[in-house]
Amino acid sequence: MSKNRSSIKEIEFRPANPGDAKVAGNLLFETFPKKAAYIIGLGCEGRARKILSDIFQIPGHRLSYEFTQMVIHNSKVIGAMVTFPGSELGKLDRGLYLPILRQYKFSGKLKLIRRAFPLIFIKETTSNEYFLSNLVVKGQYRNKGIGEKMLHHVEELATDAGLSKIGLIVNLENQKARRFYDRNGYEIKAMNLFPNRLVTHLGPGSERRVKELS
């Protein structure tokens, strides 16, 4: 087995805090780079990364430190994941709008609303599921078994929350992620396709997947 694919056995999880903002913002950007740059950054990747870092420090929304777990190896942050009960998604989505809108003047606010509008109609999870909103491992630590360990931790969090299903959304163009979730028992329940005019900016669409815990 090559060095790149050798497994990392020891990782830890800890709740994020506002001090993780810079590293967490960059990690979260990597989980939806096209959408983040096009919508949150209004076409600017650097601005999207900065906004994600800034709003990470604010409680009450789906990309906040409150719902993020940092993944640690040898005292270094090597990944992150955002999870919460699906019943909380509506409230946490609404909580996300205001801190992002505050980053822009009036014309920017209108542009952001127009760009985000198609996402409103996508069903991401249900109230009886535990929702895995974002999962990312730093590039040099991928293909080492860390993602599987993260999914096992999500299962523990779901069980602790009294839920027996885990839901997530994966982009259709992310073939590696789709194969990863295939291997780990996440079944396709629905597909969400974007119109052709948005494919360049948002990708072709996404799959909604669910795993039922035994």
Foldseek 3Di string as FASTA:
>chain_A
DDPLQAADDDKDKDQFALVCLLVLLVQQCVQFVLLQCCQLVVNHSVNSSVLLSVCLNPDFAQSHSRQKMFMDDPNDGFWMWGKAAPLCHVRRHVVPLVSSLVVDDDVSNVSNCVSCVVVVPDDFDDRQAIETEGIGGHPSNPNRCVVVVVVVVSCVVCVVVVHFKYKGKHAPVPVVVVVVVVVVAWAFDDWDADPPVCCVRRNGTITMTMHGHD
